[in-house]
């Protein structure tokens, strides 16, 4: 059986991007500060990885103001949800294949 490495998505190779997408798969939206706190990361690191996911069109960015304070929220796109599910399926197949060897 062929190892499904070609099904693994490079966008999800980083632990933080996996975590971001995991959060967005189970929540309609999540704001920047809550993500930063949940994932225990810095502003710059989180922003960098969110930009990467946005570039792939895997997430949507929505900017609003709460009073005078800016509030940025993120949501997974259908493209992002599909890509993430395919990535997880490929990982699962890889693990099952390795167990059977």
PDB file of N, CA and C in Angstrom:
ATOM      1  N   UNK A   1       0.839  -1.182   0.000  1.00  0.00           N
ATOM      2  CA  UNK A   1       0.000   0.000   0.000  1.00  0.00           C
ATOM      3  C   UNK A   1       0.885   1.247   0.000  1.00  0.00           C
ATOM      4  N   UNK A   2       0.507   2.242  -0.797  1.00  0.00           N
ATOM      5  CA  UNK A   2       1.286   3.464  -0.919  1.00  0.00           C
ATOM      6  C   UNK A   2       1.013   4.388   0.273  1.00  0.00           C
ATOM      7  N   UNK A   3       2.075   4.976   0.792  1.00  0.00           N
ATOM      8  CA  UNK A   3       1.947   5.933   1.891  1.00  0.00           C
ATOM      9  C   UNK A   3       1.348   7.224   1.321  1.00  0.00           C
ATOM     10  N   UNK A   4       0.276   7.755   1.936  1.00  0.00           N
ATOM     11  CA  UNK A   4      -0.441   8.914   1.371  1.00  0.00           C
ATOM     12  C   UNK A   4       0.196  10.265   1.695  1.00  0.00           C
ATOM     13  N   UNK A   5       1.528  10.380   1.547  1.00  0.00           N
ATOM     14  CA  UNK A   5       2.198  11.638   1.889  1.00  0.00           C
ATOM     15  C   UNK A   5       1.705  12.796   1.023  1.00  0.00           C
ATOM     16  N   UNK A   6       1.321  12.519  -0.214  1.00  0.00           N
ATOM     17  CA  UNK A   6       0.876  13.601  -1.096  1.00  0.00           C
ATOM     18  C   UNK A   6      -0.437  14.210  -0.619  1.00  0.00           C
ATOM     19  N   UNK A   7      -1.158  13.515   0.247  1.00  0.00           N
ATOM     20  CA  UNK A   7      -2.423  14.031   0.782  1.00  0.00           C
ATOM     21  C   UNK A   7      -2.208  14.927   1.998  1.00  0.00           C
ATOM     22  N   UNK A   8      -0.990  14.920   2.546  1.00  0.00           N
ATOM     23  CA  UNK A   8      -0.693  15.788   3.678  1.00  0.00           C
ATOM     24  C   UNK A   8      -0.510  17.222   3.172  1.00  0.00           C
ATOM     25  N   UNK A   9      -1.127  18.159   3.852  1.00  0.00           N
ATOM     26  CA  UNK A   9      -1.123  19.555   3.434  1.00  0.00           C
ATOM     27  C   UNK A   9      -0.014  20.310   4.165  1.00  0.00           C
ATOM     28  N   UNK A  10       0.904  20.902   3.415  1.00  0.00           N
ATOM     29  CA  UNK A  10       2.027  21.632   4.009  1.00  0.00           C
ATOM     30  C   UNK A  10       1.555  22.774   4.917  1.00  0.00           C
ATOM     31  N   UNK A  11       0.382  23.313   4.659  1.00  0.00           N
ATOM     32  CA  UNK A  11      -0.150  24.404   5.474  1.00  0.00           C
ATOM     33  C   UNK A  11      -0.358  23.971   6.920  1.00  0.00           C
ATOM     34  N   UNK A  12      -0.488  22.666   7.143  1.00  0.00           N
ATOM     35  CA  UNK A  12      -0.750  22.158   8.492  1.00  0.00           C
ATOM     36  C   UNK A  12       0.450  21.453   9.106  1.00  0.00           C
ATOM     37  N   UNK A  13       1.635  21.651   8.555  1.00  0.00           N
ATOM     38  CA  UNK A  13       2.825  21.013   9.103  1.00  0.00           C
ATOM     39  C   UNK A  13       3.221  21.601  10.454  1.00  0.00           C
ATOM     40  N   UNK A  14       2.873  22.834  10.695  1.00  0.00           N
ATOM     41  CA  UNK A  14       3.236  23.491  11.941  1.00  0.00           C
ATOM     42  C   UNK A  14       2.205  23.196  13.025  1.00  0.00           C
ATOM     43  N   UNK A  15       2.682  22.950  14.233  1.00  0.00           N
ATOM     44  CA  UNK A  15       1.818  22.630  15.370  1.00  0.00           C
ATOM     45  C   UNK A  15       0.785  23.731  15.630  1.00  0.00           C
ATOM     46  N   UNK A  16       1.206  24.986  15.555  1.00  0.00           N
ATOM     47  CA  UNK A  16       0.299  26.090  15.834  1.00  0.00           C
ATOM     48  C   UNK A  16      -0.824  26.170  14.798  1.00  0.00           C
ATOM     49  N   UNK A  17      -0.506  25.923  13.542  1.00  0.00           N
ATOM     50  CA  UNK A  17      -1.554  25.942  12.508  1.00  0.00           C
ATOM     51  C   UNK A  17      -2.535  24.791  12.708  1.00  0.00           C
ATOM     52  N   UNK A  18      -2.032  23.646  13.130  1.00  0.00           N
ATOM     53  CA  UNK A  18      -2.931  22.530  13.457  1.00  0.00           C
ATOM     54  C   UNK A  18      -3.865  22.922  14.599  1.00  0.00           C
ATOM     55  N   UNK A  19      -3.309  23.568  15.600  1.00  0.00           N
ATOM     56  CA  UNK A  19      -4.120  23.985  16.742  1.00  0.00           C
ATOM     57  C   UNK A  19      -5.159  25.037  16.338  1.00  0.00           C
ATOM     58  N   UNK A  20      -4.747  26.008  15.547  1.00  0.00           N
ATOM     59  CA  UNK A  20      -5.676  27.052  15.087  1.00  0.00           C
ATOM     60  C   UNK A  20      -6.847  26.418  14.347  1.00  0.00           C
ATOM     61  N   UNK A  21      -6.527  25.550  13.394  1.00  0.00           N
ATOM     62  CA  UNK A  21      -7.602  24.928  12.610  1.00  0.00           C
ATOM     63  C   UNK A  21      -8.471  24.026  13.468  1.00  0.00           C
ATOM     64  N   UNK A  22      -7.891  23.352  14.434  1.00  0.00           N
ATOM     65  CA  UNK A  22      -8.677  22.505  15.331  1.00  0.00           C
ATOM     66  C   UNK A  22      -9.701  23.344  16.088  1.00  0.00           C
ATOM     67  N   UNK A  23      -9.275  24.502  16.563  1.00  0.00           N
ATOM     68  CA  UNK A  23     -10.182  25.401  17.284  1.00  0.00           C
ATOM     69  C   UNK A  23     -11.284  25.906  16.355  1.00  0.00           C
ATOM     70  N   UNK A  24     -10.898  26.299  15.141  1.00  0.00           N
ATOM     71  CA  UNK A  24     -11.879  26.867  14.203  1.00  0.00           C
ATOM     72  C   UNK A  24     -12.816  25.807  13.626  1.00  0.00           C
ATOM     73  N   UNK A  25     -12.437  24.551  13.669  1.00  0.00           N
ATOM     74  CA  UNK A  25     -13.316  23.484  13.178  1.00  0.00           C
ATOM     75  C   UNK A  25     -14.502  23.270  14.115  1.00  0.00           C
ATOM     76  N   UNK A  26     -14.327  23.569  15.388  1.00  0.00           N
ATOM     77  CA  UNK A  26     -15.395  23.314  16.369  1.00  0.00           C
ATOM     78  C   UNK A  26     -16.050  24.588  16.889  1.00  0.00           C
ATOM     79  N   UNK A  27     -15.605  25.739  16.418  1.00  0.00           N
ATOM     80  CA  UNK A  27     -16.193  27.027  16.790  1.00  0.00           C
ATOM     81  C   UNK A  27     -16.493  27.819  15.528  1.00  0.00           C
ATOM     82  N   UNK A  28     -17.634  28.493  15.507  1.00  0.00           N
ATOM     83  CA  UNK A  28     -17.983  29.304  14.336  1.00  0.00           C
ATOM     84  C   UNK A  28     -16.958  30.407  14.105  1.00  0.00           C
ATOM     85  N   UNK A  29     -16.564  31.062  15.183  1.00  0.00           N
ATOM     86  CA  UNK A  29     -15.594  32.157  15.136  1.00  0.00           C
ATOM     87  C   UNK A  29     -14.773  32.135  16.414  1.00  0.00           C
ATOM     88  N   UNK A  30     -13.581  32.703  16.326  1.00  0.00           N
ATOM     89  CA  UNK A  30     -12.724  32.810  17.505  1.00  0.00           C
ATOM     90  C   UNK A  30     -11.923  34.079  17.358  1.00  0.00           C
ATOM     91  N   UNK A  31     -11.814  34.858  18.427  1.00  0.00           N
ATOM     92  CA  UNK A  31     -11.090  36.127  18.299  1.00  0.00           C
ATOM     93  C   UNK A  31      -9.605  35.958  18.611  1.00  0.00           C
ATOM     94  N   UNK A  32      -8.838  36.928  18.155  1.00  0.00           N
ATOM     95  CA  UNK A  32      -7.379  36.873  18.233  1.00  0.00           C
ATOM     96  C   UNK A  32      -6.886  36.676  19.662  1.00  0.00           C
ATOM     97  N   UNK A  33      -7.369  37.511  20.580  1.00  0.00           N
ATOM     98  CA  UNK A  33      -6.869  37.434  21.957  1.00  0.00           C
ATOM     99  C   UNK A  33      -7.215  36.102  22.616  1.00  0.00           C
ATOM    100  N   UNK A  34      -8.391  35.583  22.341  1.00  0.00           N
ATOM    101  CA  UNK A  34      -8.777  34.283  22.907  1.00  0.00           C
ATOM    102  C   UNK A  34      -7.913  33.168  22.334  1.00  0.00           C
ATOM    103  N   UNK A  35      -7.627  33.239  21.036  1.00  0.00           N
ATOM    104  CA  UNK A  35      -6.727  32.251  20.416  1.00  0.00           C
ATOM    105  C   UNK A  35      -5.336  32.336  21.034  1.00  0.00           C
ATOM    106  N   UNK A  36      -4.844  33.548  21.192  1.00  0.00           N
ATOM    107  CA  UNK A  36      -3.507  33.755  21.753  1.00  0.00           C
ATOM    108  C   UNK A  36      -3.425  33.161  23.159  1.00  0.00           C
ATOM    109  N   UNK A  37      -4.432  33.400  23.951  1.00  0.00           N
ATOM    110  CA  UNK A  37      -4.452  32.878  25.320  1.00  0.00           C
ATOM    111  C   UNK A  37      -4.588  31.354  25.328  1.00  0.00           C
ATOM    112  N   UNK A  38      -5.512  30.840  24.539  1.00  0.00           N
ATOM    113  CA  UNK A  38      -5.741  29.394  24.489  1.00  0.00           C
ATOM    114  C   UNK A  38      -4.499  28.633  24.028  1.00  0.00           C
ATOM    115  N   UNK A  39      -3.838  29.167  23.007  1.00  0.00           N
ATOM    116  CA  UNK A  39      -2.692  28.478  22.415  1.00  0.00           C
ATOM    117  C   UNK A  39      -1.358  28.858  23.066  1.00  0.00           C
ATOM    118  N   UNK A  40      -1.423  29.784  24.013  1.00  0.00           N
ATOM    119  CA  UNK A  40      -0.242  30.199  24.765  1.00  0.00           C
ATOM    120  C   UNK A  40       0.924  30.561  23.837  1.00  0.00           C
ATOM    121  N   UNK A  41       0.663  31.568  23.003  1.00  0.00           N
ATOM    122  CA  UNK A  41       1.668  32.008  22.043  1.00  0.00           C
ATOM    123  C   UNK A  41       1.742  33.530  22.028  1.00  0.00           C
ATOM    124  N   UNK A  42       2.685  34.052  21.277  1.00  0.00           N
ATOM    125  CA  UNK A  42       2.865  35.503  21.194  1.00  0.00           C
ATOM    126  C   UNK A  42       2.007  36.089  20.074  1.00  0.00           C
ATOM    127  N   UNK A  43       1.813  37.395  20.147  1.00  0.00           N
ATOM    128  CA  UNK A  43       1.064  38.099  19.091  1.00  0.00           C
ATOM    129  C   UNK A  43       1.673  37.836  17.721  1.00  0.00           C
ATOM    130  N   UNK A  44       2.991  38.030  17.630  1.00  0.00           N
ATOM    131  CA  UNK A  44       3.675  37.903  16.341  1.00  0.00           C
ATOM    132  C   UNK A  44       3.611  36.503  15.774  1.00  0.00           C
ATOM    133  N   UNK A  45       3.819  35.506  16.623  1.00  0.00           N
ATOM    134  CA  UNK A  45       3.780  34.121  16.171  1.00  0.00           C
ATOM    135  C   UNK A  45       2.385  33.755  15.686  1.00  0.00           C
ATOM    136  N   UNK A  46       1.375  34.116  16.464  1.00  0.00           N
ATOM    137  CA  UNK A  46       0.001  33.808  16.070  1.00  0.00           C
ATOM    138  C   UNK A  46      -0.369  34.535  14.780  1.00  0.00           C
ATOM    139  N   UNK A  47      -0.039  35.814  14.703  1.00  0.00           N
ATOM    140  CA  UNK A  47      -0.367  36.603  13.506  1.00  0.00           C
ATOM    141  C   UNK A  47       0.282  36.010  12.261  1.00  0.00           C
ATOM    142  N   UNK A  48       1.518  35.574  12.392  1.00  0.00           N
ATOM    143  CA  UNK A  48       2.234  34.982  11.270  1.00  0.00           C
ATOM    144  C   UNK A  48       1.523  33.720  10.752  1.00  0.00           C
ATOM    145  N   UNK A  49       1.120  32.865  11.651  1.00  0.00           N
ATOM    146  CA  UNK A  49       0.468  31.617  11.239  1.00  0.00           C
ATOM    147  C   UNK A  49      -0.961  31.853  10.744  1.00  0.00           C
ATOM    148  N   UNK A  50      -1.643  32.826  11.317  1.00  0.00           N
ATOM    149  CA  UNK A  50      -2.977  33.176  10.806  1.00  0.00           C
ATOM    150  C   UNK A  50      -2.868  33.712   9.386  1.00  0.00           C
ATOM    151  N   UNK A  51      -1.846  34.530   9.130  1.00  0.00           N
ATOM    152  CA  UNK A  51      -1.618  35.059   7.771  1.00  0.00           C
ATOM    153  C   UNK A  51      -1.401  33.917   6.774  1.00  0.00           C
ATOM    154  N   UNK A  52      -0.622  32.911   7.189  1.00  0.00           N
ATOM    155  CA  UNK A  52      -0.375  31.762   6.315  1.00  0.00           C
ATOM    156  C   UNK A  52      -1.646  31.020   5.976  1.00  0.00           C
ATOM    157  N   UNK A  53      -2.502  30.833   6.962  1.00  0.00           N
ATOM    158  CA  UNK A  53      -3.783  30.150   6.716  1.00  0.00           C
ATOM    159  C   UNK A  53      -4.715  31.025   5.878  1.00  0.00           C
ATOM    160  N   UNK A  54      -4.655  32.332   6.100  1.00  0.00           N
ATOM    161  CA  UNK A  54      -5.471  33.254   5.308  1.00  0.00           C
ATOM    162  C   UNK A  54      -5.010  33.247   3.843  1.00  0.00           C
ATOM    163  N   UNK A  55      -3.709  33.219   3.631  1.00  0.00           N
ATOM    164  CA  UNK A  55      -3.147  33.193   2.270  1.00  0.00           C
ATOM    165  C   UNK A  55      -3.638  31.962   1.497  1.00  0.00           C
ATOM    166  N   UNK A  56      -3.756  30.837   2.201  1.00  0.00           N
ATOM    167  CA  UNK A  56      -4.248  29.605   1.571  1.00  0.00           C
ATOM    168  C   UNK A  56      -5.770  29.618   1.397  1.00  0.00           C
ATOM    169  N   UNK A  57      -6.406  30.675   1.911  1.00  0.00           N
ATOM    170  CA  UNK A  57      -7.871  30.812   1.899  1.00  0.00           C
ATOM    171  C   UNK A  57      -8.539  29.743   2.755  1.00  0.00           C
ATOM    172  N   UNK A  58      -7.860  29.349   3.831  1.00  0.00           N
ATOM    173  CA  UNK A  58      -8.399  28.362   4.761  1.00  0.00           C
ATOM    174  C   UNK A  58      -9.163  29.013   5.901  1.00  0.00           C
ATOM    175  N   UNK A  59      -8.928  30.311   6.110  1.00  0.00           N
ATOM    176  CA  UNK A  59      -9.663  31.043   7.143  1.00  0.00           C
ATOM    177  C   UNK A  59     -10.121  32.391   6.600  1.00  0.00           C
ATOM    178  N   UNK A  60     -11.167  32.904   7.213  1.00  0.00           N
ATOM    179  CA  UNK A  60     -11.662  34.248   6.931  1.00  0.00           C
ATOM    180  C   UNK A  60     -11.347  35.133   8.119  1.00  0.00           C
ATOM    181  N   UNK A  61     -11.011  36.380   7.846  1.00  0.00           N
ATOM    182  CA  UNK A  61     -10.711  37.355   8.887  1.00  0.00           C
ATOM    183  C   UNK A  61     -11.836  38.381   8.890  1.00  0.00           C
ATOM    184  N   UNK A  62     -12.357  38.663  10.074  1.00  0.00           N
ATOM    185  CA  UNK A  62     -13.436  39.636  10.205  1.00  0.00           C
ATOM    186  C   UNK A  62     -13.029  40.655  11.265  1.00  0.00           C
ATOM    187  N   UNK A  63     -12.899  41.920  10.843  1.00  0.00           N
ATOM    188  CA  UNK A  63     -12.454  42.978  11.758  1.00  0.00           C
ATOM    189  C   UNK A  63     -13.624  43.893  12.072  1.00  0.00           C
ATOM    190  N   UNK A  64     -13.831  44.131  13.367  1.00  0.00           N
ATOM    191  CA  UNK A  64     -14.887  45.026  13.834  1.00  0.00           C
ATOM    192  C   UNK A  64     -14.339  45.850  14.996  1.00  0.00           C
ATOM    193  N   UNK A  65     -15.180  46.687  15.522  1.00  0.00           N
ATOM    194  CA  UNK A  65     -14.837  47.453  16.720  1.00  0.00           C
ATOM    195  C   UNK A  65     -15.857  47.148  17.797  1.00  0.00           C
ATOM    196  N   UNK A  66     -15.378  46.926  19.001  1.00  0.00           N
ATOM    197  CA  UNK A  66     -16.226  46.801  20.180  1.00  0.00           C
ATOM    198  C   UNK A  66     -16.005  48.087  20.966  1.00  0.00           C
ATOM    199  N   UNK A  67     -16.943  49.008  20.803  1.00  0.00           N
ATOM    200  CA  UNK A  67     -16.709  50.343  21.335  1.00  0.00           C
ATOM    201  C   UNK A  67     -15.618  50.978  20.509  1.00  0.00           C
ATOM    202  N   UNK A  68     -14.532  51.331  21.152  1.00  0.00           N
ATOM    203  CA  UNK A  68     -13.392  51.929  20.439  1.00  0.00           C
ATOM    204  C   UNK A  68     -12.266  50.931  20.204  1.00  0.00           C
ATOM    205  N   UNK A  69     -12.448  49.712  20.698  1.00  0.00           N
ATOM    206  CA  UNK A  69     -11.382  48.713  20.578  1.00  0.00           C
ATOM    207  C   UNK A  69     -11.586  47.829  19.351  1.00  0.00           C
ATOM    208  N   UNK A  70     -10.515  47.614  18.584  1.00  0.00           N
ATOM    209  CA  UNK A  70     -10.630  46.711  17.436  1.00  0.00           C
ATOM    210  C   UNK A  70     -10.777  45.266  17.919  1.00  0.00           C
ATOM    211  N   UNK A  71     -11.545  44.495  17.188  1.00  0.00           N
ATOM    212  CA  UNK A  71     -11.731  43.076  17.506  1.00  0.00           C
ATOM    213  C   UNK A  71     -11.655  42.286  16.199  1.00  0.00           C
ATOM    214  N   UNK A  72     -10.689  41.394  16.129  1.00  0.00           N
ATOM    215  CA  UNK A  72     -10.501  40.572  14.938  1.00  0.00           C
ATOM    216  C   UNK A  72     -10.888  39.146  15.266  1.00  0.00           C
ATOM    217  N   UNK A  73     -11.802  38.600  14.448  1.00  0.00           N
ATOM    218  CA  UNK A  73     -12.211  37.212  14.627  1.00  0.00           C
ATOM    219  C   UNK A  73     -11.863  36.425  13.375  1.00  0.00           C
ATOM    220  N   UNK A  74     -11.775  35.120  13.567  1.00  0.00           N
ATOM    221  CA  UNK A  74     -11.387  34.213  12.486  1.00  0.00           C
ATOM    222  C   UNK A  74     -12.394  33.087  12.398  1.00  0.00           C
ATOM    223  N   UNK A  75     -12.603  32.603  11.177  1.00  0.00           N
ATOM    224  CA  UNK A  75     -13.499  31.471  10.941  1.00  0.00           C
ATOM    225  C   UNK A  75     -12.888  30.609   9.844  1.00  0.00           C
ATOM    226  N   UNK A  76     -13.095  29.315   9.941  1.00  0.00           N
ATOM    227  CA  UNK A  76     -12.615  28.401   8.899  1.00  0.00           C
ATOM    228  C   UNK A  76     -13.534  28.510   7.686  1.00  0.00           C
ATOM    229  N   UNK A  77     -12.950  28.538   6.504  1.00  0.00           N
ATOM    230  CA  UNK A  77     -13.735  28.528   5.265  1.00  0.00           C
ATOM    231  C   UNK A  77     -14.085  27.079   4.922  1.00  0.00           C
ATOM    232  N   UNK A  78     -14.985  26.903   3.980  1.00  0.00           N
ATOM    233  CA  UNK A  78     -15.307  25.538   3.524  1.00  0.00           C
ATOM    234  C   UNK A  78     -14.064  24.880   2.927  1.00  0.00           C
ATOM    235  N   UNK A  79     -13.295  25.671   2.187  1.00  0.00           N
ATOM    236  CA  UNK A  79     -12.044  25.156   1.616  1.00  0.00           C
ATOM    237  C   UNK A  79     -11.096  24.697   2.728  1.00  0.00           C
ATOM    238  N   UNK A  80     -10.997  25.497   3.781  1.00  0.00           N
ATOM    239  CA  UNK A  80     -10.133  25.166   4.900  1.00  0.00           C
ATOM    240  C   UNK A  80     -10.604  23.933   5.646  1.00  0.00           C
ATOM    241  N   UNK A  81     -11.918  23.827   5.847  1.00  0.00           N
ATOM    242  CA  UNK A  81     -12.478  22.660   6.540  1.00  0.00           C
ATOM    243  C   UNK A  81     -12.217  21.388   5.747  1.00  0.00           C
ATOM    244  N   UNK A  82     -12.421  21.472   4.449  1.00  0.00           N
ATOM    245  CA  UNK A  82     -12.185  20.309   3.581  1.00  0.00           C
ATOM    246  C   UNK A  82     -10.709  19.909   3.604  1.00  0.00           C
ATOM    247  N   UNK A  83      -9.831  20.894   3.467  1.00  0.00           N
ATOM    248  CA  UNK A  83      -8.391  20.612   3.457  1.00  0.00           C
ATOM    249  C   UNK A  83      -7.951  20.010   4.788  1.00  0.00           C
ATOM    250  N   UNK A  84      -8.475  20.527   5.882  1.00  0.00           N
ATOM    251  CA  UNK A  84      -8.099  20.025   7.203  1.00  0.00           C
ATOM    252  C   UNK A  84      -8.585  18.582   7.392  1.00  0.00           C
ATOM    253  N   UNK A  85      -9.807  18.314   6.978  1.00  0.00           N
ATOM    254  CA  UNK A  85     -10.335  16.948   7.079  1.00  0.00           C
ATOM    255  C   UNK A  85      -9.511  15.980   6.229  1.00  0.00           C
ATOM    256  N   UNK A  86      -9.134  16.396   5.029  1.00  0.00           N
ATOM    257  CA  UNK A  86      -8.311  15.546   4.170  1.00  0.00           C
ATOM    258  C   UNK A  86      -6.938  15.303   4.796  1.00  0.00           C
ATOM    259  N   UNK A  87      -6.385  16.313   5.416  1.00  0.00           N
ATOM    260  CA  UNK A  87      -5.090  16.180   6.091  1.00  0.00           C
ATOM    261  C   UNK A  87      -5.200  15.169   7.236  1.00  0.00           C
ATOM    262  N   UNK A  88      -6.244  15.302   8.041  1.00  0.00           N
ATOM    263  CA  UNK A  88      -6.440  14.371   9.156  1.00  0.00           C
ATOM    264  C   UNK A  88      -6.686  12.946   8.665  1.00  0.00           C
ATOM    265  N   UNK A  89      -7.451  12.812   7.584  1.00  0.00           N
ATOM    266  CA  UNK A  89      -7.699  11.480   6.998  1.00  0.00           C
ATOM    267  C   UNK A  89      -6.389  10.853   6.536  1.00  0.00           C
ATOM    268  N   UNK A  90      -5.537  11.651   5.907  1.00  0.00           N
ATOM    269  CA  UNK A  90      -4.246  11.137   5.430  1.00  0.00           C
ATOM    270  C   UNK A  90      -3.374  10.701   6.605  1.00  0.00           C
ATOM    271  N   UNK A  91      -3.377  11.474   7.688  1.00  0.00           N
ATOM    272  CA  UNK A  91      -2.617  11.096   8.881  1.00  0.00           C
ATOM    273  C   UNK A  91      -3.141   9.785   9.468  1.00  0.00           C
ATOM    274  N   UNK A  92      -4.454   9.672   9.509  1.00  0.00           N
ATOM    275  CA  UNK A  92      -5.070   8.455  10.043  1.00  0.00           C
ATOM    276  C   UNK A  92      -4.697   7.230   9.201  1.00  0.00           C
ATOM    277  N   UNK A  93      -4.741   7.378   7.885  1.00  0.00           N
ATOM    278  CA  UNK A  93      -4.359   6.274   6.998  1.00  0.00           C
ATOM    279  C   UNK A  93      -2.892   5.909   7.186  1.00  0.00           C
ATOM    280  N   UNK A  94      -2.060   6.915   7.333  1.00  0.00           N
ATOM    281  CA  UNK A  94      -0.636   6.688   7.544  1.00  0.00           C
ATOM    282  C   UNK A  94      -0.403   5.907   8.839  1.00  0.00           C
ATOM    283  N   UNK A  95      -1.081   6.300   9.892  1.00  0.00           N
ATOM    284  CA  UNK A  95      -0.943   5.622  11.186  1.00  0.00           C
ATOM    285  C   UNK A  95      -1.432   4.186  11.090  1.00  0.00           C
ATOM    286  N   UNK A  96      -2.591   3.990  10.471  1.00  0.00           N
ATOM    287  CA  UNK A  96      -3.135   2.632  10.327  1.00  0.00           C
ATOM    288  C   UNK A  96      -2.209   1.758   9.500  1.00  0.00           C
ATOM    289  N   UNK A  97      -1.635   2.339   8.456  1.00  0.00           N
ATOM    290  CA  UNK A  97      -0.721   1.579   7.603  1.00  0.00           C
ATOM    291  C   UNK A  97       0.528   1.176   8.383  1.00  0.00           C
ATOM    292  N   UNK A  98       1.044   2.087   9.193  1.00  0.00           N
ATOM    293  CA  UNK A  98       2.244   1.792   9.974  1.00  0.00           C
ATOM    294  C   UNK A  98       1.973   0.727  11.023  1.00  0.00           C
ATOM    295  N   UNK A  99       0.764   0.724  11.581  1.00  0.00           N
ATOM    296  CA  UNK A  99       0.391  -0.299  12.569  1.00  0.00           C
ATOM    297  C   UNK A  99       0.320  -1.677  11.954  1.00  0.00           C
ATOM    298  N   UNK A 100      -0.123  -1.728  10.694  1.00  0.00           N
ATOM    299  CA  UNK A 100      -0.293  -3.034  10.031  1.00  0.00           C
ATOM    300  C   UNK A 100       1.023  -3.609   9.502  1.00  0.00           C
ATOM    301  N   UNK A 101       2.074  -2.797   9.471  1.00  0.00           N
ATOM    302  CA  UNK A 101       3.387  -3.277   8.974  1.00  0.00           C
ATOM    303  C   UNK A 101       4.153  -4.008  10.035  1.00  0.00           C
TER     304      UNK A 101
END
